[in-house]
N, C-alpha and C. Protein backbone atom coordinates (compact mmCIF):
# COMPACT_ATOMS: atom_id res chain seq x y z
N MET A 1 -39.46 -7.26 25.43
CA MET A 1 -38.85 -6.61 26.61
C MET A 1 -37.33 -6.66 26.46
N LEU A 2 -36.66 -5.55 26.77
CA LEU A 2 -35.21 -5.45 26.67
C LEU A 2 -34.62 -5.31 28.07
N VAL A 3 -33.76 -6.23 28.44
CA VAL A 3 -33.15 -6.20 29.76
C VAL A 3 -31.72 -5.72 29.63
N CYS A 4 -31.37 -4.64 30.32
CA CYS A 4 -30.02 -4.08 30.24
C CYS A 4 -29.42 -4.02 31.63
N LEU A 5 -28.17 -4.38 31.73
CA LEU A 5 -27.46 -4.33 32.99
C LEU A 5 -26.29 -3.37 32.85
N GLY A 6 -26.32 -2.29 33.61
CA GLY A 6 -25.22 -1.34 33.56
C GLY A 6 -25.04 -0.71 32.19
N GLY A 7 -26.13 -0.58 31.43
CA GLY A 7 -26.03 0.05 30.12
C GLY A 7 -25.70 -0.93 29.02
N TRP A 8 -25.49 -2.20 29.37
CA TRP A 8 -25.16 -3.22 28.35
C TRP A 8 -26.35 -4.12 28.15
N CYS A 9 -26.77 -4.31 26.94
CA CYS A 9 -27.89 -5.19 26.64
C CYS A 9 -27.43 -6.62 26.76
N ASP A 10 -27.99 -7.35 27.72
CA ASP A 10 -27.58 -8.72 27.95
C ASP A 10 -28.56 -9.72 27.35
N VAL A 11 -29.85 -9.47 27.48
CA VAL A 11 -30.84 -10.43 26.99
C VAL A 11 -31.96 -9.68 26.31
N VAL A 12 -32.36 -10.20 25.16
CA VAL A 12 -33.52 -9.66 24.47
C VAL A 12 -34.61 -10.72 24.53
N VAL A 13 -35.77 -10.39 25.07
CA VAL A 13 -36.89 -11.33 25.16
C VAL A 13 -37.91 -10.95 24.10
N CYS A 14 -38.04 -11.77 23.09
CA CYS A 14 -38.98 -11.50 22.01
C CYS A 14 -40.38 -11.91 22.43
N SER A 15 -41.35 -11.43 21.66
CA SER A 15 -42.73 -11.72 22.00
C SER A 15 -43.05 -13.20 21.92
N GLY A 16 -42.29 -13.92 21.10
CA GLY A 16 -42.52 -15.35 20.96
C GLY A 16 -41.85 -16.16 22.04
N GLY A 17 -41.24 -15.48 23.01
CA GLY A 17 -40.59 -16.19 24.09
C GLY A 17 -39.18 -16.64 23.76
N ILE A 18 -38.60 -16.10 22.69
CA ILE A 18 -37.25 -16.48 22.27
C ILE A 18 -36.25 -15.55 22.94
N PHE A 19 -35.25 -16.13 23.56
CA PHE A 19 -34.21 -15.35 24.24
C PHE A 19 -32.99 -15.25 23.34
N VAL A 20 -32.47 -14.05 23.19
CA VAL A 20 -31.25 -13.84 22.41
C VAL A 20 -30.21 -13.21 23.33
N VAL A 21 -29.10 -13.91 23.55
CA VAL A 21 -28.05 -13.41 24.43
C VAL A 21 -26.92 -12.85 23.59
N LEU A 22 -26.55 -11.63 23.85
CA LEU A 22 -25.45 -11.01 23.12
C LEU A 22 -24.12 -11.52 23.64
N HIS A 23 -23.26 -11.95 22.72
CA HIS A 23 -21.93 -12.43 23.10
C HIS A 23 -21.11 -11.27 23.65
N LEU A 24 -20.20 -11.56 24.54
CA LEU A 24 -19.38 -10.50 25.15
C LEU A 24 -18.65 -9.67 24.11
N SER A 25 -18.18 -10.35 23.03
CA SER A 25 -17.41 -9.63 22.02
C SER A 25 -18.26 -8.65 21.23
N LEU A 26 -19.61 -8.79 21.32
CA LEU A 26 -20.49 -7.91 20.57
C LEU A 26 -20.99 -6.74 21.40
N ARG A 27 -20.67 -6.74 22.68
CA ARG A 27 -21.13 -5.66 23.55
C ARG A 27 -20.34 -4.39 23.25
N ARG A 28 -21.05 -3.34 22.91
CA ARG A 28 -20.38 -2.09 22.58
C ARG A 28 -21.18 -0.93 23.14
N ARG A 29 -20.51 0.09 23.56
CA ARG A 29 -21.18 1.28 24.03
C ARG A 29 -21.78 1.99 22.82
N PRO A 30 -22.94 2.59 22.96
CA PRO A 30 -23.59 3.25 21.83
C PRO A 30 -22.78 4.42 21.29
N TRP A 31 -21.88 4.99 22.12
CA TRP A 31 -21.11 6.12 21.65
C TRP A 31 -19.77 5.70 21.06
N ALA A 32 -19.57 4.40 20.86
CA ALA A 32 -18.30 3.93 20.30
C ALA A 32 -18.57 3.13 19.03
N PRO A 33 -18.85 3.82 17.90
CA PRO A 33 -19.17 3.11 16.65
C PRO A 33 -17.95 2.39 16.09
N TYR A 34 -18.19 1.41 15.22
CA TYR A 34 -17.10 0.68 14.59
C TYR A 34 -16.29 1.64 13.73
N ASN A 35 -14.98 1.46 13.76
CA ASN A 35 -14.08 2.26 12.95
C ASN A 35 -13.72 1.45 11.72
N LEU A 36 -14.14 1.91 10.53
CA LEU A 36 -13.89 1.18 9.30
C LEU A 36 -12.40 0.98 9.08
N GLN A 37 -11.60 1.96 9.49
CA GLN A 37 -10.16 1.85 9.31
C GLN A 37 -9.60 0.68 10.10
N ASP A 38 -10.12 0.45 11.31
CA ASP A 38 -9.68 -0.68 12.11
C ASP A 38 -10.06 -2.00 11.45
N MET A 39 -11.18 -2.02 10.75
CA MET A 39 -11.65 -3.24 10.12
C MET A 39 -10.87 -3.59 8.87
N THR A 40 -10.25 -2.61 8.22
CA THR A 40 -9.52 -2.86 6.97
C THR A 40 -8.00 -2.81 7.16
N ARG A 41 -7.55 -2.57 8.37
CA ARG A 41 -6.11 -2.47 8.63
C ARG A 41 -5.54 -3.83 8.99
N CYS A 42 -4.42 -4.20 8.34
CA CYS A 42 -3.75 -5.46 8.63
C CYS A 42 -3.13 -5.39 10.03
N LEU A 43 -3.36 -6.42 10.82
CA LEU A 43 -2.87 -6.42 12.19
C LEU A 43 -1.40 -6.84 12.29
N LEU A 44 -0.78 -7.17 11.17
CA LEU A 44 0.66 -7.49 11.18
C LEU A 44 1.50 -6.32 10.68
N CYS A 45 1.21 -5.84 9.47
CA CYS A 45 2.02 -4.76 8.91
C CYS A 45 1.41 -3.39 9.12
N GLY A 46 0.11 -3.35 9.44
CA GLY A 46 -0.54 -2.06 9.66
C GLY A 46 -1.07 -1.40 8.41
N PHE A 47 -0.96 -2.09 7.25
CA PHE A 47 -1.42 -1.48 6.01
C PHE A 47 -2.94 -1.42 5.98
N ASP A 48 -3.47 -0.26 5.58
CA ASP A 48 -4.91 -0.08 5.49
C ASP A 48 -5.32 -0.19 4.02
N SER A 49 -5.93 -1.31 3.68
CA SER A 49 -6.33 -1.55 2.29
C SER A 49 -7.56 -0.75 1.89
N LYS A 50 -8.21 -0.13 2.87
CA LYS A 50 -9.46 0.62 2.64
C LYS A 50 -10.47 -0.26 1.90
N ASP A 51 -10.37 -1.56 2.17
CA ASP A 51 -11.30 -2.54 1.61
C ASP A 51 -11.24 -2.60 0.09
N LYS A 52 -10.07 -2.21 -0.49
CA LYS A 52 -9.94 -2.22 -1.95
C LYS A 52 -9.12 -3.40 -2.45
N THR A 53 -8.26 -3.95 -1.63
CA THR A 53 -7.40 -5.03 -2.08
C THR A 53 -7.70 -6.35 -1.37
N GLY A 54 -8.43 -6.28 -0.27
CA GLY A 54 -8.71 -7.50 0.47
C GLY A 54 -7.54 -7.97 1.30
N HIS A 55 -6.50 -7.13 1.42
CA HIS A 55 -5.32 -7.54 2.18
C HIS A 55 -5.62 -7.59 3.67
N GLY A 56 -5.12 -8.63 4.32
CA GLY A 56 -5.25 -8.78 5.76
C GLY A 56 -4.09 -9.61 6.28
N GLN A 57 -4.10 -9.87 7.56
CA GLN A 57 -2.94 -10.55 8.15
C GLN A 57 -2.75 -11.97 7.64
N VAL A 58 -3.82 -12.63 7.21
CA VAL A 58 -3.69 -14.01 6.72
C VAL A 58 -2.86 -14.06 5.44
N SER A 59 -2.94 -13.01 4.62
CA SER A 59 -2.20 -12.97 3.36
C SER A 59 -0.97 -12.07 3.43
N CYS A 60 -0.67 -11.54 4.60
CA CYS A 60 0.44 -10.58 4.75
C CYS A 60 1.79 -11.24 4.54
N ASP A 61 2.69 -10.53 3.88
CA ASP A 61 4.05 -11.04 3.64
C ASP A 61 4.84 -11.19 4.94
N LEU A 62 4.37 -10.59 6.01
CA LEU A 62 5.07 -10.71 7.30
C LEU A 62 4.61 -11.95 8.07
N ARG A 63 3.65 -12.66 7.53
CA ARG A 63 3.10 -13.83 8.23
C ARG A 63 4.02 -15.04 8.00
N HIS A 64 5.06 -15.13 8.79
CA HIS A 64 5.99 -16.26 8.75
C HIS A 64 5.93 -16.95 10.11
N LEU A 65 5.13 -17.98 10.19
CA LEU A 65 4.90 -18.65 11.47
C LEU A 65 5.94 -19.75 11.72
N PRO A 66 6.22 -20.02 12.99
CA PRO A 66 7.16 -21.10 13.32
C PRO A 66 6.51 -22.46 13.15
N CYS A 67 7.31 -23.50 13.16
CA CYS A 67 6.78 -24.86 13.12
C CYS A 67 6.10 -25.13 14.47
N ARG A 68 4.85 -25.49 14.44
CA ARG A 68 4.10 -25.67 15.67
C ARG A 68 4.53 -26.92 16.44
N ARG A 69 5.20 -27.84 15.74
CA ARG A 69 5.69 -29.04 16.41
C ARG A 69 6.91 -28.74 17.28
N THR A 70 7.62 -27.67 16.94
CA THR A 70 8.86 -27.36 17.66
C THR A 70 8.68 -26.30 18.75
N LEU A 71 7.46 -25.82 18.91
CA LEU A 71 7.22 -24.83 19.96
C LEU A 71 7.43 -25.47 21.33
N PRO A 72 7.88 -24.71 22.30
CA PRO A 72 8.15 -25.28 23.63
C PRO A 72 6.88 -25.72 24.33
N ALA A 73 7.01 -26.64 25.24
CA ALA A 73 5.87 -27.11 26.02
C ALA A 73 5.26 -25.94 26.78
N GLY A 74 3.97 -25.88 26.79
CA GLY A 74 3.28 -24.78 27.46
C GLY A 74 2.83 -23.69 26.51
N ASN A 75 3.41 -23.65 25.32
CA ASN A 75 2.96 -22.67 24.33
C ASN A 75 1.57 -23.11 23.83
N PRO A 76 0.58 -22.23 23.89
CA PRO A 76 -0.79 -22.63 23.53
C PRO A 76 -0.96 -23.02 22.06
N PHE A 77 0.01 -22.68 21.22
CA PHE A 77 -0.10 -22.99 19.80
C PHE A 77 0.68 -24.24 19.40
N LYS A 78 1.26 -24.90 20.38
CA LYS A 78 2.01 -26.12 20.08
C LYS A 78 1.05 -27.21 19.60
N ARG A 79 1.47 -27.92 18.57
CA ARG A 79 0.67 -29.01 18.03
C ARG A 79 1.54 -30.24 17.81
N HIS A 80 0.97 -31.39 18.07
CA HIS A 80 1.58 -32.68 17.79
C HIS A 80 2.81 -32.95 18.67
N ALA A 81 2.86 -34.13 19.20
CA ALA A 81 3.99 -34.52 20.04
C ALA A 81 5.12 -35.12 19.23
N THR A 82 4.81 -35.58 18.00
CA THR A 82 5.84 -36.18 17.15
C THR A 82 6.68 -35.10 16.47
N SER A 83 7.85 -35.49 16.02
CA SER A 83 8.74 -34.53 15.35
C SER A 83 8.24 -34.23 13.95
N CYS A 84 8.67 -33.10 13.40
CA CYS A 84 8.23 -32.67 12.07
C CYS A 84 8.98 -33.45 10.99
N SER A 85 8.23 -33.94 10.00
CA SER A 85 8.83 -34.70 8.91
C SER A 85 8.79 -33.95 7.58
N ASP A 86 8.31 -32.72 7.62
CA ASP A 86 8.21 -31.90 6.41
C ASP A 86 9.58 -31.29 6.10
N LEU A 87 10.21 -31.74 5.02
CA LEU A 87 11.56 -31.27 4.68
C LEU A 87 11.57 -29.80 4.26
N ALA A 88 10.41 -29.28 3.86
CA ALA A 88 10.33 -27.88 3.44
C ALA A 88 9.93 -26.95 4.58
N CYS A 89 9.71 -27.51 5.76
CA CYS A 89 9.26 -26.71 6.90
C CYS A 89 10.36 -25.76 7.36
N VAL A 90 9.94 -24.65 7.94
CA VAL A 90 10.89 -23.65 8.41
C VAL A 90 11.80 -24.21 9.50
N CYS A 91 11.34 -25.24 10.20
CA CYS A 91 12.17 -25.80 11.27
C CYS A 91 13.41 -26.52 10.72
N LYS A 92 13.41 -26.77 9.41
CA LYS A 92 14.57 -27.41 8.79
C LYS A 92 15.55 -26.38 8.21
N LYS A 93 15.15 -25.12 8.25
CA LYS A 93 15.99 -24.06 7.68
C LYS A 93 16.99 -23.53 8.70
N THR A 94 18.06 -22.97 8.18
CA THR A 94 19.06 -22.31 9.02
C THR A 94 18.95 -20.82 8.80
N CYS A 95 18.78 -20.10 9.88
CA CYS A 95 18.60 -18.65 9.80
C CYS A 95 19.86 -18.00 9.23
N PRO A 96 19.75 -17.19 8.18
CA PRO A 96 20.91 -16.52 7.59
C PRO A 96 21.50 -15.42 8.46
N THR A 97 20.75 -15.02 9.48
CA THR A 97 21.21 -13.92 10.34
C THR A 97 21.95 -14.43 11.58
N CYS A 98 21.38 -15.43 12.25
CA CYS A 98 22.01 -15.93 13.48
C CYS A 98 22.66 -17.31 13.29
N ASP A 99 22.46 -17.93 12.13
CA ASP A 99 23.05 -19.22 11.79
C ASP A 99 22.56 -20.36 12.68
N ILE A 100 21.35 -20.21 13.20
CA ILE A 100 20.75 -21.26 14.03
C ILE A 100 19.66 -21.96 13.22
N THR A 101 19.64 -23.28 13.27
CA THR A 101 18.64 -24.06 12.54
C THR A 101 17.33 -24.12 13.33
N GLY A 102 16.23 -23.99 12.61
CA GLY A 102 14.91 -24.08 13.25
C GLY A 102 14.00 -22.92 12.91
N HIS A 103 14.55 -21.91 12.25
CA HIS A 103 13.76 -20.74 11.87
C HIS A 103 14.54 -19.95 10.83
N ASP A 104 13.91 -18.91 10.28
CA ASP A 104 14.65 -17.97 9.46
C ASP A 104 14.55 -16.60 10.10
N ASN A 105 15.12 -15.59 9.48
CA ASN A 105 15.16 -14.28 10.15
C ASN A 105 13.85 -13.52 10.12
N SER A 106 12.81 -14.11 9.51
CA SER A 106 11.50 -13.45 9.49
C SER A 106 10.44 -14.25 10.25
N THR A 107 10.86 -15.33 10.92
CA THR A 107 9.90 -16.16 11.66
C THR A 107 9.40 -15.41 12.90
N LEU A 108 8.09 -15.37 13.05
CA LEU A 108 7.49 -14.66 14.17
C LEU A 108 7.50 -15.52 15.44
N ALA A 109 7.69 -14.88 16.56
CA ALA A 109 7.59 -15.55 17.87
C ALA A 109 6.16 -15.42 18.33
N VAL A 110 5.43 -16.53 18.40
CA VAL A 110 4.01 -16.48 18.74
C VAL A 110 3.79 -16.83 20.21
N ASN A 111 2.89 -16.10 20.83
CA ASN A 111 2.53 -16.36 22.22
C ASN A 111 1.09 -15.91 22.44
N SER A 112 0.57 -16.20 23.59
CA SER A 112 -0.83 -15.87 23.88
C SER A 112 -1.03 -14.40 24.24
N ILE A 113 0.07 -13.66 24.37
CA ILE A 113 -0.04 -12.23 24.71
C ILE A 113 -0.51 -11.43 23.51
N HIS A 114 0.12 -11.68 22.36
CA HIS A 114 -0.17 -10.90 21.15
C HIS A 114 -0.90 -11.70 20.07
N PHE A 115 -1.09 -13.00 20.28
CA PHE A 115 -1.74 -13.83 19.28
C PHE A 115 -2.88 -14.63 19.89
N HIS A 116 -3.80 -15.06 19.04
CA HIS A 116 -4.90 -15.90 19.50
C HIS A 116 -5.24 -16.90 18.40
N SER A 117 -6.01 -17.91 18.75
CA SER A 117 -6.41 -18.93 17.78
C SER A 117 -7.64 -18.46 17.02
N GLY A 118 -7.56 -18.57 15.69
CA GLY A 118 -8.68 -18.19 14.85
C GLY A 118 -9.42 -19.42 14.36
N ALA A 119 -10.16 -19.25 13.28
CA ALA A 119 -10.92 -20.36 12.70
C ALA A 119 -9.98 -21.49 12.29
N GLY A 120 -10.35 -22.70 12.65
CA GLY A 120 -9.53 -23.85 12.29
C GLY A 120 -8.23 -23.94 13.06
N GLY A 121 -8.13 -23.17 14.15
CA GLY A 121 -6.91 -23.21 14.94
C GLY A 121 -5.78 -22.37 14.37
N SER A 122 -6.08 -21.51 13.40
CA SER A 122 -5.04 -20.66 12.81
C SER A 122 -4.52 -19.66 13.84
N ILE A 123 -3.30 -19.23 13.65
CA ILE A 123 -2.67 -18.29 14.57
C ILE A 123 -2.84 -16.88 14.03
N LEU A 124 -3.51 -16.03 14.78
CA LEU A 124 -3.80 -14.67 14.34
C LEU A 124 -3.33 -13.66 15.38
N ARG A 125 -2.84 -12.53 14.90
CA ARG A 125 -2.42 -11.47 15.81
C ARG A 125 -3.65 -10.76 16.37
N LYS A 126 -3.61 -10.46 17.64
CA LYS A 126 -4.75 -9.86 18.32
C LYS A 126 -4.93 -8.40 17.93
N GLU A 127 -6.18 -7.97 17.94
CA GLU A 127 -6.47 -6.55 17.79
C GLU A 127 -5.91 -5.83 19.01
N GLY A 128 -5.31 -4.70 18.80
CA GLY A 128 -4.74 -3.94 19.90
C GLY A 128 -3.31 -4.30 20.21
N ALA A 129 -2.78 -5.33 19.54
CA ALA A 129 -1.37 -5.69 19.76
C ALA A 129 -0.49 -4.58 19.20
N PRO A 130 0.63 -4.27 19.84
CA PRO A 130 1.50 -3.18 19.38
C PRO A 130 2.16 -3.52 18.04
N PRO A 131 2.70 -2.54 17.34
CA PRO A 131 3.41 -2.80 16.08
C PRO A 131 4.55 -3.79 16.30
N LEU A 132 4.86 -4.55 15.26
CA LEU A 132 5.93 -5.54 15.37
C LEU A 132 7.25 -4.88 15.73
N CYS A 133 7.98 -5.52 16.63
CA CYS A 133 9.30 -5.03 17.02
C CYS A 133 10.25 -6.23 17.03
N GLY A 134 11.49 -6.00 17.38
CA GLY A 134 12.48 -7.07 17.36
C GLY A 134 12.11 -8.25 18.22
N ALA A 135 11.47 -8.00 19.36
CA ALA A 135 11.10 -9.08 20.27
C ALA A 135 10.04 -10.01 19.70
N ASN A 136 9.38 -9.58 18.61
CA ASN A 136 8.33 -10.40 18.01
C ASN A 136 8.86 -11.42 17.01
N PHE A 137 10.20 -11.49 16.86
CA PHE A 137 10.80 -12.43 15.92
C PHE A 137 11.62 -13.46 16.69
N VAL A 138 11.64 -14.68 16.18
CA VAL A 138 12.37 -15.76 16.85
C VAL A 138 13.86 -15.48 16.86
N CYS A 139 14.40 -15.00 15.77
CA CYS A 139 15.84 -14.71 15.69
C CYS A 139 16.22 -13.60 16.66
N HIS A 140 17.14 -13.90 17.55
CA HIS A 140 17.51 -12.91 18.57
C HIS A 140 18.36 -11.77 18.00
N GLU A 141 18.78 -11.91 16.74
CA GLU A 141 19.58 -10.86 16.11
C GLU A 141 18.70 -9.79 15.45
N ILE A 142 17.42 -10.07 15.36
CA ILE A 142 16.50 -9.09 14.77
C ILE A 142 16.10 -8.09 15.85
N LYS A 143 16.55 -6.88 15.68
CA LYS A 143 16.24 -5.81 16.64
C LYS A 143 15.10 -4.95 16.10
N ASP A 144 14.74 -3.94 16.87
CA ASP A 144 13.64 -3.07 16.48
C ASP A 144 13.88 -2.42 15.12
N LEU A 145 15.12 -2.03 14.83
CA LEU A 145 15.44 -1.36 13.56
C LEU A 145 15.18 -2.30 12.38
N GLN A 146 15.62 -3.56 12.51
CA GLN A 146 15.40 -4.52 11.43
C GLN A 146 13.90 -4.83 11.27
N ALA A 147 13.22 -4.96 12.39
CA ALA A 147 11.78 -5.24 12.34
C ALA A 147 11.04 -4.10 11.65
N SER A 148 11.43 -2.88 11.97
CA SER A 148 10.82 -1.72 11.33
C SER A 148 11.10 -1.73 9.83
N GLY A 149 12.29 -2.18 9.45
CA GLY A 149 12.63 -2.27 8.04
C GLY A 149 11.76 -3.28 7.30
N PHE A 150 11.49 -4.42 7.95
CA PHE A 150 10.61 -5.43 7.36
C PHE A 150 9.23 -4.83 7.10
N VAL A 151 8.71 -4.13 8.10
CA VAL A 151 7.37 -3.55 7.99
C VAL A 151 7.32 -2.49 6.89
N LYS A 152 8.32 -1.63 6.85
CA LYS A 152 8.35 -0.57 5.84
C LYS A 152 8.41 -1.15 4.43
N ALA A 153 9.16 -2.23 4.27
CA ALA A 153 9.30 -2.86 2.95
C ALA A 153 7.95 -3.39 2.45
N VAL A 154 7.21 -4.09 3.31
CA VAL A 154 5.93 -4.63 2.86
C VAL A 154 4.90 -3.52 2.69
N LEU A 155 4.96 -2.49 3.52
CA LEU A 155 4.04 -1.37 3.37
C LEU A 155 4.24 -0.68 2.02
N THR A 156 5.49 -0.48 1.64
CA THR A 156 5.80 0.15 0.36
C THR A 156 5.27 -0.70 -0.79
N ASN A 157 5.44 -2.00 -0.68
CA ASN A 157 4.97 -2.91 -1.72
C ASN A 157 3.46 -2.89 -1.85
N TYR A 158 2.76 -2.95 -0.72
CA TYR A 158 1.30 -2.96 -0.76
C TYR A 158 0.73 -1.62 -1.22
N GLN A 159 1.38 -0.53 -0.83
CA GLN A 159 0.91 0.79 -1.26
C GLN A 159 1.09 0.95 -2.76
N LYS A 160 2.19 0.41 -3.28
CA LYS A 160 2.43 0.47 -4.73
C LYS A 160 1.36 -0.30 -5.48
N LYS A 161 0.99 -1.48 -4.95
CA LYS A 161 -0.05 -2.28 -5.59
C LYS A 161 -1.40 -1.56 -5.54
N LEU A 162 -1.69 -0.93 -4.39
CA LEU A 162 -2.96 -0.22 -4.26
C LEU A 162 -3.03 0.96 -5.20
N ASP A 163 -1.93 1.71 -5.29
CA ASP A 163 -1.89 2.86 -6.19
C ASP A 163 -2.07 2.42 -7.64
N GLY A 164 -1.44 1.29 -7.98
CA GLY A 164 -1.56 0.78 -9.34
C GLY A 164 -2.97 0.36 -9.68
N SER A 165 -3.61 -0.34 -8.76
CA SER A 165 -4.99 -0.79 -9.01
C SER A 165 -5.94 0.39 -9.07
N THR A 166 -5.68 1.42 -8.24
CA THR A 166 -6.52 2.61 -8.26
C THR A 166 -6.37 3.36 -9.58
N ARG A 167 -5.13 3.44 -10.05
CA ARG A 167 -4.86 4.13 -11.33
C ARG A 167 -5.53 3.40 -12.49
N LEU A 168 -5.41 2.08 -12.51
CA LEU A 168 -6.02 1.31 -13.59
C LEU A 168 -7.54 1.38 -13.55
N ALA A 169 -8.10 1.40 -12.32
CA ALA A 169 -9.55 1.52 -12.20
C ALA A 169 -10.01 2.86 -12.76
N GLY A 170 -9.25 3.91 -12.46
CA GLY A 170 -9.59 5.24 -12.98
C GLY A 170 -9.45 5.30 -14.48
N ALA A 171 -8.40 4.64 -15.01
CA ALA A 171 -8.18 4.64 -16.46
C ALA A 171 -9.31 3.90 -17.17
N THR A 172 -9.73 2.80 -16.58
CA THR A 172 -10.83 2.02 -17.18
C THR A 172 -12.11 2.83 -17.19
N LYS A 173 -12.36 3.53 -16.08
CA LYS A 173 -13.57 4.35 -16.00
C LYS A 173 -13.54 5.46 -17.04
N GLU A 174 -12.36 6.06 -17.22
CA GLU A 174 -12.23 7.14 -18.21
C GLU A 174 -12.45 6.60 -19.62
N LEU A 175 -11.87 5.41 -19.88
CA LEU A 175 -12.03 4.81 -21.21
C LEU A 175 -13.50 4.55 -21.53
N VAL A 176 -14.20 3.97 -20.54
CA VAL A 176 -15.61 3.67 -20.75
C VAL A 176 -16.39 4.94 -21.00
N GLY A 177 -16.10 5.98 -20.20
CA GLY A 177 -16.80 7.24 -20.36
C GLY A 177 -16.51 7.91 -21.69
N ASN A 178 -15.22 7.92 -22.07
CA ASN A 178 -14.84 8.56 -23.33
C ASN A 178 -15.43 7.83 -24.53
N THR A 179 -15.41 6.49 -24.46
CA THR A 179 -15.94 5.70 -25.56
C THR A 179 -17.44 5.93 -25.71
N SER A 180 -18.13 6.02 -24.58
CA SER A 180 -19.58 6.21 -24.62
C SER A 180 -19.95 7.58 -25.15
N ARG A 181 -19.19 8.61 -24.71
CA ARG A 181 -19.55 9.99 -25.08
C ARG A 181 -19.09 10.36 -26.48
N SER A 182 -17.85 9.95 -26.83
CA SER A 182 -17.28 10.41 -28.09
C SER A 182 -17.33 9.38 -29.20
N GLY A 183 -17.70 8.14 -28.86
CA GLY A 183 -17.77 7.12 -29.88
C GLY A 183 -16.40 6.73 -30.42
N LEU A 184 -15.41 6.62 -29.54
CA LEU A 184 -14.07 6.21 -29.97
C LEU A 184 -14.16 4.85 -30.65
N ASN A 185 -13.44 4.72 -31.76
CA ASN A 185 -13.41 3.42 -32.41
C ASN A 185 -12.41 2.53 -31.70
N PRO A 186 -12.42 1.22 -31.95
CA PRO A 186 -11.52 0.30 -31.26
C PRO A 186 -10.05 0.68 -31.37
N SER A 187 -9.63 1.17 -32.54
CA SER A 187 -8.23 1.54 -32.72
C SER A 187 -7.84 2.71 -31.83
N ALA A 188 -8.72 3.71 -31.74
CA ALA A 188 -8.47 4.86 -30.88
C ALA A 188 -8.47 4.46 -29.41
N THR A 189 -9.33 3.51 -29.08
CA THR A 189 -9.38 3.01 -27.71
C THR A 189 -8.07 2.33 -27.32
N LEU A 190 -7.55 1.52 -28.22
CA LEU A 190 -6.27 0.86 -27.96
C LEU A 190 -5.15 1.88 -27.78
N ALA A 191 -5.16 2.92 -28.60
CA ALA A 191 -4.13 3.96 -28.49
C ALA A 191 -4.20 4.63 -27.13
N ARG A 192 -5.43 4.90 -26.67
CA ARG A 192 -5.60 5.55 -25.37
C ARG A 192 -5.16 4.63 -24.25
N MET A 193 -5.42 3.32 -24.39
CA MET A 193 -4.98 2.35 -23.39
C MET A 193 -3.46 2.35 -23.29
N GLY A 194 -2.80 2.43 -24.43
CA GLY A 194 -1.34 2.47 -24.42
C GLY A 194 -0.81 3.71 -23.74
N GLU A 195 -1.46 4.87 -23.98
CA GLU A 195 -1.04 6.12 -23.34
C GLU A 195 -1.17 6.05 -21.82
N MET A 196 -2.20 5.31 -21.35
CA MET A 196 -2.44 5.20 -19.92
C MET A 196 -1.55 4.16 -19.26
N GLY A 197 -0.81 3.42 -20.05
CA GLY A 197 0.08 2.42 -19.47
C GLY A 197 -0.61 1.14 -19.07
N ILE A 198 -1.80 0.91 -19.61
CA ILE A 198 -2.53 -0.31 -19.29
C ILE A 198 -1.89 -1.50 -19.98
N LYS A 199 -1.65 -2.57 -19.22
CA LYS A 199 -1.07 -3.78 -19.76
C LYS A 199 -2.20 -4.69 -20.26
N ALA A 200 -2.19 -4.98 -21.54
CA ALA A 200 -3.22 -5.85 -22.10
C ALA A 200 -2.65 -6.62 -23.28
N ALA A 201 -3.12 -7.85 -23.45
CA ALA A 201 -2.61 -8.68 -24.54
C ALA A 201 -2.92 -8.06 -25.90
N THR A 202 -4.04 -7.34 -25.99
CA THR A 202 -4.41 -6.74 -27.27
C THR A 202 -3.46 -5.63 -27.69
N LEU A 203 -2.66 -5.11 -26.77
CA LEU A 203 -1.70 -4.05 -27.11
C LEU A 203 -0.39 -4.60 -27.66
N ASP A 204 -0.20 -5.89 -27.52
CA ASP A 204 1.01 -6.50 -28.04
C ASP A 204 0.99 -6.42 -29.57
N PRO A 205 2.11 -6.03 -30.19
CA PRO A 205 2.14 -5.88 -31.66
C PRO A 205 1.67 -7.13 -32.41
N SER A 206 1.94 -8.30 -31.84
CA SER A 206 1.54 -9.53 -32.52
C SER A 206 0.04 -9.75 -32.49
N ASN A 207 -0.65 -9.10 -31.56
CA ASN A 207 -2.10 -9.26 -31.45
C ASN A 207 -2.88 -8.07 -31.97
N ARG A 208 -2.24 -6.90 -31.99
CA ARG A 208 -2.99 -5.68 -32.28
C ARG A 208 -3.55 -5.66 -33.70
N ALA A 209 -2.74 -6.09 -34.68
CA ALA A 209 -3.22 -6.08 -36.07
C ALA A 209 -4.44 -6.98 -36.22
N HIS A 210 -4.40 -8.14 -35.59
CA HIS A 210 -5.53 -9.07 -35.66
C HIS A 210 -6.76 -8.46 -35.00
N PHE A 211 -6.56 -7.77 -33.85
CA PHE A 211 -7.67 -7.15 -33.13
C PHE A 211 -8.32 -6.07 -33.99
N GLU A 212 -7.49 -5.21 -34.61
CA GLU A 212 -8.04 -4.11 -35.41
C GLU A 212 -8.79 -4.65 -36.64
N GLU A 213 -8.25 -5.71 -37.25
CA GLU A 213 -8.92 -6.28 -38.40
C GLU A 213 -10.24 -6.92 -37.99
N SER A 214 -10.24 -7.61 -36.86
CA SER A 214 -11.48 -8.22 -36.37
C SER A 214 -12.51 -7.16 -36.03
N SER A 215 -12.06 -6.06 -35.43
CA SER A 215 -12.98 -4.96 -35.07
C SER A 215 -13.56 -4.31 -36.32
N ARG A 216 -12.77 -4.20 -37.37
CA ARG A 216 -13.23 -3.58 -38.61
C ARG A 216 -14.34 -4.39 -39.26
N LEU A 217 -14.25 -5.71 -39.10
CA LEU A 217 -15.22 -6.59 -39.73
C LEU A 217 -16.52 -6.71 -38.95
N LEU A 218 -16.50 -6.22 -37.69
CA LEU A 218 -17.72 -6.33 -36.88
C LEU A 218 -18.81 -5.39 -37.38
C-alpha cells in the first residue's frame, strides 16, 4: 500500500509490514526530474565537468576556508575554544590586499546562509547559493569585480584541462582504431603520437631508440 499526502509519497508499506519513510530531501515532484548539469556543476566556481573530470567544490581552487578557531562566536562553523597553534594556518597570514592578519585575499566568508555542514563537519556551499561576489570573501577590499576575476581564472584553467583530456582521449581512440584497422607498426604509432602532441616517456629521444629496438625483437 502506498500512502501519499498532497501528492508526496510519505510512507511505503510493504507486504512484509516494513515501513519505508522518504526523507524530506528525497521528495520530488514527478514532473521535476534531476538535472545532470546541476549534479556535475561545482557550487563554488560554477564549472560543469560533465562528469568527466570529477571536479567539485571540495577540490575547487576557490575553496579557501577561514580558520575555524578564529570565527566569531555564534558562527555555526566555529570549532574549538583554544587558539590556533598551526603556524601554516591562514589565520597566521597577512592579507596582501588589505594588510590585515588572519586571512588572505581569497579566504571565503562562511555563514549558514550560503554554506552548510557536510560529511565529517566539512563546510560546503549550498545548492542554490548565488555566484560568488565580493561579499563572500573575508577581505573587505575584494569587490564584485575582483571576485568575478577569481572565478573566471579558475574556470579558464578547468576548461583548459577538460579540453586537453578530451583531446587526448580522442587521440587515443584514433590511435587504437588506426592500429587495429591498418596494422600500424610500433614506430609508426609513435610518430602518430608525436603528431597528436601526446606526452609520453616513449617519445623522449633517450627512450625511443630502446623502445623501437625492443618492439622489433618482439
